[in-house]
N, C-alpha and C. Protein backbone atom coordinates (compact mmCIF):
# COMPACT_ATOMS: atom_id res chain seq x y z
N UNK A 1 0.85 -1.32 0.18
CA UNK A 1 -0.13 0.11 -0.24
C UNK A 1 0.88 1.07 -0.17
N UNK A 2 0.30 2.34 -0.75
CA UNK A 2 1.21 3.28 -0.82
C UNK A 2 0.86 4.62 0.50
N UNK A 3 1.85 5.67 0.77
CA UNK A 3 1.39 6.24 1.64
C UNK A 3 0.35 7.56 0.77
N UNK A 4 -0.45 8.74 1.53
CA UNK A 4 -1.12 9.34 0.82
C UNK A 4 -0.55 10.47 0.75
N UNK A 5 1.21 10.65 1.00
CA UNK A 5 1.88 11.69 0.70
C UNK A 5 3.01 11.37 -0.29
N UNK A 6 2.96 10.07 -0.70
CA UNK A 6 3.39 9.87 -2.34
C UNK A 6 2.33 10.68 -3.09
N UNK A 7 1.36 10.67 -3.05
CA UNK A 7 0.51 10.92 -4.19
C UNK A 7 0.30 11.99 -4.34
N UNK A 8 -0.05 13.23 -3.35
CA UNK A 8 0.12 14.67 -2.86
C UNK A 8 1.56 15.18 -2.64
N UNK A 9 3.01 14.08 -2.45
CA UNK A 9 4.22 14.85 -2.31
C UNK A 9 4.51 15.76 -3.33
N UNK A 10 4.30 15.46 -4.42
CA UNK A 10 4.90 16.44 -5.44
C UNK A 10 4.08 17.89 -5.47
N UNK A 11 2.77 18.05 -5.23
CA UNK A 11 2.29 19.35 -5.02
C UNK A 11 2.49 20.14 -3.68
N UNK A 12 3.56 19.02 -2.74
CA UNK A 12 3.47 20.29 -1.53
C UNK A 12 4.87 21.24 -1.75
N UNK A 13 4.64 22.15 -1.23
CA UNK A 13 5.60 22.91 -1.05
C UNK A 13 5.99 23.50 0.03
N UNK A 14 6.97 23.52 0.53
CA UNK A 14 7.37 24.49 2.04
C UNK A 14 7.30 25.72 1.92
N UNK A 15 7.23 26.32 0.62
CA UNK A 15 6.62 28.17 0.93
C UNK A 15 5.35 28.21 0.51
N UNK A 16 4.74 27.33 -0.79
CA UNK A 16 2.88 26.87 -0.66
C UNK A 16 2.54 26.02 0.05
N UNK A 17 2.36 26.27 1.46
CA UNK A 17 1.51 24.58 2.14
C UNK A 17 0.03 25.04 1.46
N UNK A 18 -0.65 26.27 1.31
CA UNK A 18 -1.73 26.03 0.86
C UNK A 18 -2.29 25.78 -0.40
N UNK A 19 -1.16 25.22 -0.95
CA UNK A 19 -1.76 25.09 -2.61
C UNK A 19 -2.06 23.70 -2.39
N UNK A 20 -2.05 22.84 -1.44
CA UNK A 20 -2.23 21.06 -1.45
C UNK A 20 -3.97 21.30 -1.91
N UNK A 21 -4.67 22.33 -0.84
CA UNK A 21 -6.07 21.92 -1.39
C UNK A 21 -6.94 22.59 -2.28
N UNK A 22 -5.94 23.56 -3.02
CA UNK A 22 -6.62 23.99 -4.29
C UNK A 22 -6.40 23.47 -5.44
N UNK A 23 -5.09 22.56 -5.15
CA UNK A 23 -5.01 21.43 -6.42
C UNK A 23 -6.13 20.24 -6.36
N UNK A 24 -5.95 19.75 -5.24
CA UNK A 24 -6.86 18.77 -4.77
C UNK A 24 -8.53 19.43 -5.11
N UNK A 25 -8.98 20.31 -4.53
CA UNK A 25 -10.11 21.10 -5.30
C UNK A 25 -10.08 21.11 -6.65
N UNK A 26 -9.21 21.34 -7.19
CA UNK A 26 -8.87 21.42 -9.03
C UNK A 26 -9.69 19.70 -9.97
N UNK A 27 -8.98 19.37 -8.83
CA UNK A 27 -8.71 17.72 -9.15
C UNK A 27 -10.24 17.22 -8.78
N UNK A 28 -10.80 17.65 -7.67
CA UNK A 28 -12.06 17.07 -7.87
C UNK A 28 -13.03 17.65 -8.66
N UNK A 29 -13.00 18.83 -8.93
CA UNK A 29 -13.62 19.61 -9.80
C UNK A 29 -13.86 18.97 -11.18
N UNK A 30 -12.44 19.31 -11.80
CA UNK A 30 -12.27 18.18 -12.48
C UNK A 30 -13.14 17.06 -13.11
N UNK A 31 -12.86 16.54 -12.19
CA UNK A 31 -13.29 14.63 -12.26
C UNK A 31 -15.04 15.19 -12.43
N UNK A 32 -15.46 15.88 -11.45
CA UNK A 32 -17.19 16.35 -11.40
C UNK A 32 -17.59 16.56 -12.83
N UNK A 33 -16.95 17.42 -13.05
CA UNK A 33 -17.48 18.25 -13.98
C UNK A 33 -17.63 16.86 -15.27
N UNK A 34 -16.14 16.29 -15.22
CA UNK A 34 -16.10 15.00 -16.35
C UNK A 34 -17.38 13.78 -16.33
N UNK A 35 -17.80 13.81 -15.04
CA UNK A 35 -18.58 12.70 -14.40
C UNK A 35 -19.99 13.25 -15.08
N UNK A 36 -20.22 14.52 -14.73
CA UNK A 36 -21.68 15.33 -15.02
C UNK A 36 -21.86 15.08 -16.23
N UNK A 37 -21.06 15.73 -17.05
CA UNK A 37 -20.76 15.43 -18.62
C UNK A 37 -21.08 14.03 -19.21
N UNK A 38 -20.30 13.19 -18.69
CA UNK A 38 -20.62 11.84 -19.21
C UNK A 38 -21.96 11.32 -18.95
N UNK A 39 -22.70 11.54 -17.27
CA UNK A 39 -23.85 11.40 -16.97
C UNK A 39 -24.63 11.80 -18.06
N UNK A 40 -24.85 13.11 -19.03
CA UNK A 40 -25.57 13.86 -19.77
C UNK A 40 -25.57 12.93 -20.96
N UNK A 41 -24.93 12.50 -21.31
CA UNK A 41 -24.64 11.72 -22.42
C UNK A 41 -24.69 10.82 -22.84
N UNK A 42 -24.98 9.62 -21.73
CA UNK A 42 -24.79 8.15 -21.36
C UNK A 42 -25.86 7.68 -22.22
N UNK A 43 -27.10 8.67 -22.20
CA UNK A 43 -28.70 7.63 -21.56
C UNK A 43 -28.91 7.29 -23.33
N UNK A 44 -28.33 8.59 -24.41
CA UNK A 44 -28.60 8.29 -25.71
C UNK A 44 -27.85 7.07 -26.64
N UNK A 45 -28.22 6.61 -28.16
CA UNK A 45 -27.55 5.71 -28.85
C UNK A 45 -26.87 6.05 -29.81
N UNK A 46 -27.91 7.20 -30.49
CA UNK A 46 -27.43 7.77 -31.58
C UNK A 46 -26.04 8.69 -31.51
N UNK A 47 -25.39 8.45 -32.63
CA UNK A 47 -24.22 8.83 -32.80
C UNK A 47 -24.49 9.56 -34.14
N UNK A 48 -22.83 10.79 -33.92
CA UNK A 48 -23.45 12.01 -34.82
C UNK A 48 -21.97 11.73 -35.65
N UNK A 49 -22.28 11.79 -36.90
CA UNK A 49 -22.05 11.82 -38.43
C UNK A 49 -20.75 12.97 -37.99
N UNK A 50 -20.71 14.05 -37.74
CA UNK A 50 -19.86 15.34 -37.68
C UNK A 50 -18.39 15.01 -36.63
N UNK A 51 -17.27 14.93 -37.18
CA UNK A 51 -16.06 14.46 -36.92
C UNK A 51 -16.13 15.68 -35.28
N UNK A 52 -15.44 15.57 -34.47
CA UNK A 52 -15.42 16.41 -33.00
C UNK A 52 -14.39 17.67 -33.79
N UNK A 53 -13.39 17.02 -34.24
CA UNK A 53 -12.69 18.42 -34.31
C UNK A 53 -12.91 19.55 -35.96
N UNK A 54 -13.81 18.71 -36.84
CA UNK A 54 -14.66 19.34 -37.85
C UNK A 54 -15.87 20.27 -37.60
N UNK A 55 -16.03 19.45 -36.14
CA UNK A 55 -17.73 20.30 -35.90
C UNK A 55 -17.11 21.92 -35.46
N UNK A 56 -15.99 21.63 -34.43
CA UNK A 56 -15.82 23.04 -33.69
C UNK A 56 -15.12 23.95 -34.52
N UNK A 57 -14.58 23.50 -35.93
CA UNK A 57 -13.43 24.53 -36.26
C UNK A 57 -14.26 26.01 -36.86
N UNK A 58 -15.76 26.26 -36.83
CA UNK A 58 -16.55 27.11 -37.23
C UNK A 58 -16.03 28.17 -36.14
N UNK A 59 -15.39 29.55 -36.78
CA UNK A 59 -14.80 30.75 -35.83
C UNK A 59 -16.14 31.74 -35.96
N UNK A 60 -16.12 32.61 -34.78
CA UNK A 60 -17.24 33.74 -34.75
C UNK A 60 -16.54 34.74 -34.23
N UNK A 61 -16.89 35.80 -34.96
CA UNK A 61 -16.14 37.35 -34.49
C UNK A 61 -15.75 37.38 -32.62
N UNK A 62 -14.62 37.51 -32.10
CA UNK A 62 -14.27 37.96 -31.19
C UNK A 62 -15.26 38.79 -30.66
N UNK A 63 -16.00 38.54 -29.50
CA UNK A 63 -16.62 39.54 -28.47
C UNK A 63 -15.66 40.53 -28.14
N UNK A 64 -16.02 42.04 -27.85
CA UNK A 64 -14.78 43.01 -27.35
C UNK A 64 -14.68 42.67 -25.70
N UNK A 65 -13.44 42.29 -25.68
CA UNK A 65 -12.90 42.28 -24.35
C UNK A 65 -12.74 40.28 -24.39
N UNK A 66 -13.19 39.98 -25.28
CA UNK A 66 -12.27 38.69 -24.74
C UNK A 66 -11.47 38.09 -25.94
N UNK A 67 -11.13 36.94 -25.92
CA UNK A 67 -10.54 36.10 -26.43
C UNK A 67 -10.69 34.46 -26.64
N UNK A 68 -10.50 34.09 -27.90
CA UNK A 68 -11.13 32.52 -28.25
C UNK A 68 -10.21 31.55 -27.62
N UNK A 69 -10.94 30.52 -27.40
CA UNK A 69 -9.19 29.53 -26.98
C UNK A 69 -8.78 29.05 -27.80
N UNK A 70 -8.87 28.79 -29.03
CA UNK A 70 -7.89 28.66 -30.20
C UNK A 70 -7.33 30.33 -30.41
N UNK A 71 -7.38 31.19 -30.24
CA UNK A 71 -6.25 32.09 -30.17
C UNK A 71 -5.40 32.21 -28.87
N UNK A 72 -5.55 31.21 -27.99
CA UNK A 72 -4.68 30.71 -26.89
C UNK A 72 -3.89 29.22 -27.12
N UNK A 73 -4.42 28.87 -28.40
CA UNK A 73 -3.60 27.99 -28.52
C UNK A 73 -4.35 26.36 -28.51
N UNK A 74 -5.41 26.26 -28.00
CA UNK A 74 -6.55 25.01 -28.43
C UNK A 74 -6.56 25.19 -29.42
N UNK A 75 -6.24 23.43 -30.73
CA UNK A 75 -6.18 23.19 -31.54
C UNK A 75 -7.62 22.12 -31.99
N UNK A 76 -8.16 21.70 -30.46
CA UNK A 76 -9.33 20.72 -30.93
C UNK A 76 -10.89 21.65 -30.28
N UNK A 77 -11.77 20.75 -30.65
CA UNK A 77 -12.98 21.38 -30.41
C UNK A 77 -13.71 22.59 -30.72
N UNK A 78 -14.67 23.04 -30.38
CA UNK A 78 -15.12 24.22 -30.49
C UNK A 78 -14.07 25.59 -30.16
N UNK A 79 -12.87 25.57 -30.19
CA UNK A 79 -12.29 26.38 -29.74
C UNK A 79 -12.76 27.94 -30.17
N UNK A 80 -12.72 27.39 -31.35
CA UNK A 80 -12.81 28.68 -32.16
C UNK A 80 -14.46 29.61 -31.67
N UNK A 81 -15.03 28.95 -30.62
CA UNK A 81 -16.13 29.48 -30.41
C UNK A 81 -16.84 29.44 -29.09
N UNK A 82 -15.67 29.34 -28.39
CA UNK A 82 -15.47 29.97 -26.78
C UNK A 82 -14.84 30.97 -26.12
N UNK A 83 -15.43 31.88 -25.66
CA UNK A 83 -14.17 32.94 -25.48
C UNK A 83 -13.79 33.42 -24.05
N UNK A 84 -13.35 33.67 -23.52
CA UNK A 84 -12.88 34.24 -22.16
C UNK A 84 -12.26 35.60 -22.34
N UNK A 85 -12.02 36.29 -20.88
CA UNK A 85 -12.08 37.27 -21.01
C UNK A 85 -10.37 37.57 -21.12
N UNK A 86 -10.02 38.71 -21.77
CA UNK A 86 -8.59 39.16 -22.09
C UNK A 86 -8.08 39.20 -20.70
N UNK A 87 -6.78 38.07 -20.65
CA UNK A 87 -6.02 38.44 -19.68
C UNK A 87 -6.33 37.36 -18.56
N UNK A 88 -7.03 36.68 -18.73
CA UNK A 88 -8.22 35.91 -18.05
C UNK A 88 -6.66 34.64 -17.58
N UNK A 89 -6.16 33.93 -16.71
CA UNK A 89 -5.02 33.00 -16.30
C UNK A 89 -5.87 31.91 -16.46
N UNK A 90 -4.98 31.25 -17.13
CA UNK A 90 -5.22 29.43 -17.12
C UNK A 90 -4.14 28.88 -16.68
N UNK A 91 -4.30 28.18 -15.35
CA UNK A 91 -3.36 27.30 -14.63
C UNK A 91 -3.15 26.02 -15.30
N UNK A 92 -4.36 25.16 -15.95
CA UNK A 92 -3.91 24.20 -16.34
C UNK A 92 -5.34 23.74 -17.71
N UNK A 93 -4.62 23.24 -18.72
CA UNK A 93 -5.70 22.75 -19.76
C UNK A 93 -5.29 21.68 -20.06
N UNK A 94 -6.79 20.97 -21.01
CA UNK A 94 -6.54 19.78 -21.36
C UNK A 94 -7.24 20.40 -22.99
N UNK A 95 -6.60 19.37 -23.80
CA UNK A 95 -6.75 19.61 -25.43
C UNK A 95 -6.70 18.72 -25.82
N UNK A 96 -7.62 17.92 -26.54
CA UNK A 96 -7.87 16.42 -26.75
C UNK A 96 -8.88 16.80 -27.78
N UNK A 97 -8.91 15.53 -28.60
CA UNK A 97 -9.97 15.83 -29.66
C UNK A 97 -11.17 15.56 -29.05
N UNK A 98 -11.76 14.78 -28.14
CA UNK A 98 -12.67 14.50 -27.37
C UNK A 98 -13.04 15.47 -25.86
N UNK A 99 -12.26 16.15 -26.36
CA UNK A 99 -12.35 16.86 -24.41
C UNK A 99 -11.49 18.34 -24.46
N UNK A 100 -11.85 19.35 -24.52
CA UNK A 100 -11.04 20.25 -23.95
C UNK A 100 -11.22 20.95 -22.76
N UNK A 101 -10.51 21.35 -21.58
CA UNK A 101 -10.79 22.15 -20.72
C UNK A 101 -10.04 23.06 -20.57
N UNK A 102 -10.15 23.57 -19.12
CA UNK A 102 -9.26 25.24 -19.05
C UNK A 102 -9.74 25.33 -17.70
N UNK A 103 -8.11 25.80 -16.53
CA UNK A 103 -8.85 25.73 -15.43
C UNK A 103 -7.95 27.43 -14.73
N UNK A 104 -8.47 27.71 -14.22
CA UNK A 104 -7.89 28.78 -13.49
C UNK A 104 -7.90 29.03 -12.16
N UNK A 105 -7.51 30.07 -11.24
CA UNK A 105 -8.14 30.95 -10.10
C UNK A 105 -9.11 31.40 -9.87
N UNK A 106 -9.64 31.06 -8.48
CA UNK A 106 -11.07 31.55 -8.37
C UNK A 106 -11.28 32.65 -8.15
N UNK A 107 -10.06 34.20 -8.18
CA UNK A 107 -10.48 34.97 -7.75
C UNK A 107 -11.14 35.94 -9.47
N UNK A 108 -11.08 35.10 -10.13
CA UNK A 108 -10.89 35.54 -11.74
C UNK A 108 -12.50 34.62 -11.91
N UNK A 109 -13.58 33.72 -11.37
CA UNK A 109 -14.45 33.01 -11.73
C UNK A 109 -15.57 33.51 -12.09
N UNK A 110 -15.89 35.44 -11.55
CA UNK A 110 -16.74 36.22 -12.01
C UNK A 110 -16.92 36.58 -13.08
N UNK A 111 -15.61 36.96 -13.36
CA UNK A 111 -15.13 37.53 -14.69
C UNK A 111 -15.72 36.68 -15.63
N UNK A 112 -14.93 35.62 -15.82
CA UNK A 112 -15.08 34.43 -16.63
C UNK A 112 -16.88 33.70 -16.89
N UNK A 113 -16.92 33.66 -15.90
CA UNK A 113 -18.45 33.53 -16.07
C UNK A 113 -19.73 34.22 -16.83
N UNK A 114 -19.31 35.84 -16.26
CA UNK A 114 -20.09 37.13 -17.23
C UNK A 114 -19.52 36.91 -18.62
N UNK A 115 -18.12 36.27 -18.85
CA UNK A 115 -17.87 36.43 -20.47
C UNK A 115 -18.73 35.57 -20.56
N UNK A 116 -18.97 34.07 -20.20
CA UNK A 116 -19.23 32.82 -20.74
C UNK A 116 -21.35 33.62 -20.96
N UNK A 117 -21.59 34.16 -20.12
CA UNK A 117 -22.32 34.54 -19.80
C UNK A 117 -23.18 35.14 -21.13
N UNK A 118 -22.54 35.77 -21.06
CA UNK A 118 -22.55 36.83 -22.37
C UNK A 118 -22.32 36.30 -24.08
N UNK A 119 -21.29 35.64 -23.95
CA UNK A 119 -21.08 35.37 -25.80
C UNK A 119 -21.26 33.78 -26.04
N UNK A 120 -21.95 32.86 -25.12
CA UNK A 120 -22.07 31.83 -25.34
C UNK A 120 -23.44 31.48 -26.60
N UNK A 121 -24.12 32.27 -26.14
CA UNK A 121 -25.50 31.80 -27.40
C UNK A 121 -25.89 32.53 -28.73
N UNK A 122 -24.47 33.79 -28.11
CA UNK A 122 -24.30 34.33 -29.78
C UNK A 122 -23.09 33.59 -31.00
N UNK A 123 -22.78 32.56 -29.98
CA UNK A 123 -21.74 31.41 -30.56
C UNK A 123 -22.29 30.38 -31.19
N UNK A 124 -23.74 29.93 -31.06
CA UNK A 124 -24.35 29.12 -30.91
C UNK A 124 -24.64 28.15 -29.94
N UNK A 125 -23.92 28.48 -28.42
CA UNK A 125 -24.59 27.61 -28.11
C UNK A 125 -26.27 27.75 -26.55
N UNK A 126 -26.57 26.96 -26.61
CA UNK A 126 -27.81 26.78 -26.06
C UNK A 126 -27.57 26.90 -24.22
N UNK A 127 -27.80 27.74 -23.36
CA UNK A 127 -26.96 27.50 -21.81
C UNK A 127 -28.83 26.84 -21.38
N UNK A 128 -28.52 25.66 -20.86
CA UNK A 128 -29.42 24.76 -20.22
C UNK A 128 -29.72 25.02 -18.55
N UNK A 129 -28.57 25.41 -17.73
CA UNK A 129 -28.76 25.70 -16.69
C UNK A 129 -27.83 26.47 -16.04
N UNK A 130 -28.25 27.54 -15.52
CA UNK A 130 -27.38 28.54 -14.81
C UNK A 130 -27.81 28.83 -13.46
N UNK A 131 -27.14 28.35 -12.32
CA UNK A 131 -26.84 28.68 -10.93
C UNK A 131 -25.96 28.51 -10.43
N UNK A 132 -25.75 29.21 -9.18
CA UNK A 132 -24.77 29.30 -8.57
C UNK A 132 -22.95 28.86 -8.97
N UNK A 133 -23.11 30.02 -9.56
CA UNK A 133 -21.73 29.96 -10.22
C UNK A 133 -21.43 29.15 -10.56
N UNK A 134 -22.19 27.90 -12.07
CA UNK A 134 -22.07 27.05 -12.97
C UNK A 134 -22.94 27.63 -13.98
N UNK A 135 -22.80 27.09 -14.85
CA UNK A 135 -23.31 27.20 -16.18
C UNK A 135 -23.41 25.54 -17.00
N UNK A 136 -24.26 25.04 -17.45
CA UNK A 136 -24.43 23.61 -18.61
C UNK A 136 -25.06 24.13 -20.01
N UNK A 137 -24.60 24.24 -21.02
CA UNK A 137 -24.72 24.73 -22.25
C UNK A 137 -24.00 23.69 -22.89
N UNK A 138 -25.03 23.18 -24.62
CA UNK A 138 -24.58 22.51 -25.44
C UNK A 138 -25.15 23.50 -26.75
N UNK A 139 -24.82 22.07 -27.46
CA UNK A 139 -25.40 22.32 -29.03
C UNK A 139 -25.51 21.13 -29.82
N UNK A 140 -25.67 20.88 -30.90
CA UNK A 140 -25.64 20.03 -31.82
C UNK A 140 -24.41 18.88 -31.69
N UNK A 141 -23.07 18.88 -31.11
CA UNK A 141 -21.74 18.22 -31.13
C UNK A 141 -21.48 17.83 -29.63
N UNK A 142 -21.59 19.28 -29.19
CA UNK A 142 -20.80 19.48 -28.03
C UNK A 142 -21.30 19.52 -26.82
N UNK A 143 -21.43 19.35 -24.87
CA UNK A 143 -21.89 19.53 -23.82
C UNK A 143 -20.53 19.78 -22.91
N UNK A 144 -20.95 21.51 -22.51
CA UNK A 144 -19.85 21.96 -21.67
C UNK A 144 -20.86 22.25 -20.58
N UNK A 145 -19.64 22.26 -19.76
CA UNK A 145 -19.95 22.78 -18.32
C UNK A 145 -19.03 23.79 -17.82
N UNK A 146 -18.94 24.47 -16.77
CA UNK A 146 -18.42 25.78 -16.48
C UNK A 146 -18.85 25.43 -14.72
N UNK A 147 -17.78 25.81 -14.01
CA UNK A 147 -18.07 25.52 -12.34
C UNK A 147 -16.55 25.98 -11.69
N UNK A 148 -17.50 27.25 -10.94
CA UNK A 148 -16.37 27.52 -9.68
C UNK A 148 -16.19 27.86 -8.48
N UNK A 149 -15.76 27.85 -7.82
CA UNK A 149 -15.48 28.57 -5.77
C UNK A 149 -14.62 29.69 -5.93
N UNK A 150 -14.40 29.83 -4.76
CA UNK A 150 -13.47 30.78 -4.30
C UNK A 150 -11.83 30.59 -4.59
N UNK A 151 -11.60 29.15 -4.89
CA UNK A 151 -10.04 28.83 -4.90
C UNK A 151 -10.05 28.31 -6.73
N UNK A 152 -10.79 28.13 -7.36
CA UNK A 152 -10.75 27.37 -8.89
C UNK A 152 -11.62 28.13 -9.63
N UNK A 153 -12.08 28.12 -10.99
CA UNK A 153 -13.21 27.75 -12.08
C UNK A 153 -12.49 26.83 -13.02
N UNK A 154 -13.30 26.38 -13.25
CA UNK A 154 -12.88 25.12 -14.28
C UNK A 154 -14.02 25.29 -15.47
N UNK A 155 -13.34 24.74 -16.89
CA UNK A 155 -14.57 24.67 -17.88
C UNK A 155 -14.55 23.49 -19.21
N UNK A 156 -15.00 22.78 -19.09
CA UNK A 156 -14.80 21.32 -20.04
C UNK A 156 -15.88 21.34 -20.89
N UNK A 157 -15.54 20.93 -22.12
CA UNK A 157 -16.39 20.73 -22.87
C UNK A 157 -16.17 19.63 -23.82
N UNK A 158 -17.12 18.62 -23.73
CA UNK A 158 -16.84 17.38 -24.60
C UNK A 158 -17.57 17.12 -26.03
N UNK A 159 -17.27 15.87 -26.56
CA UNK A 159 -18.12 15.80 -27.75
C UNK A 159 -19.47 15.04 -26.95
N UNK A 160 -20.17 15.32 -26.92
CA UNK A 160 -21.55 14.19 -27.56
C UNK A 160 -21.52 12.93 -28.11
N UNK A 161 -22.02 12.10 -27.07
CA UNK A 161 -21.98 10.68 -27.59
C UNK A 161 -23.16 10.22 -27.77
């Protein structure tokens, strides 16, 4: 059996001991987003004939004060039509054919949430839930979720299966 310290040891820093809870919250938030999105799409059996990467290549005009995930270097999914505030700090990212995610510090949660509320509908997304600092949104190809707390925000968009 391994010790818990061997799992979280790489994240512990004598200078920044408070980072362990933030990193653990980030991991839990990512798992929760992935699980929620998986549950949303597991009921149907129909498959989309549109490939995930080609479906998200359409770009939209960048709304004022925002930047697209594509311009921040994401290459997969709907990166050209998901927008974050200019200057947003991104601590972690995932850029895969089936899922794109971004995570940042909780201090920017309100600005990121406001930008998503303002830009998602104009970029072809339907917001299906908006409460408690979280959003759930979708289009015909992707499901997305944003959630946040005082320490971290997370955005995940996955291919609808």
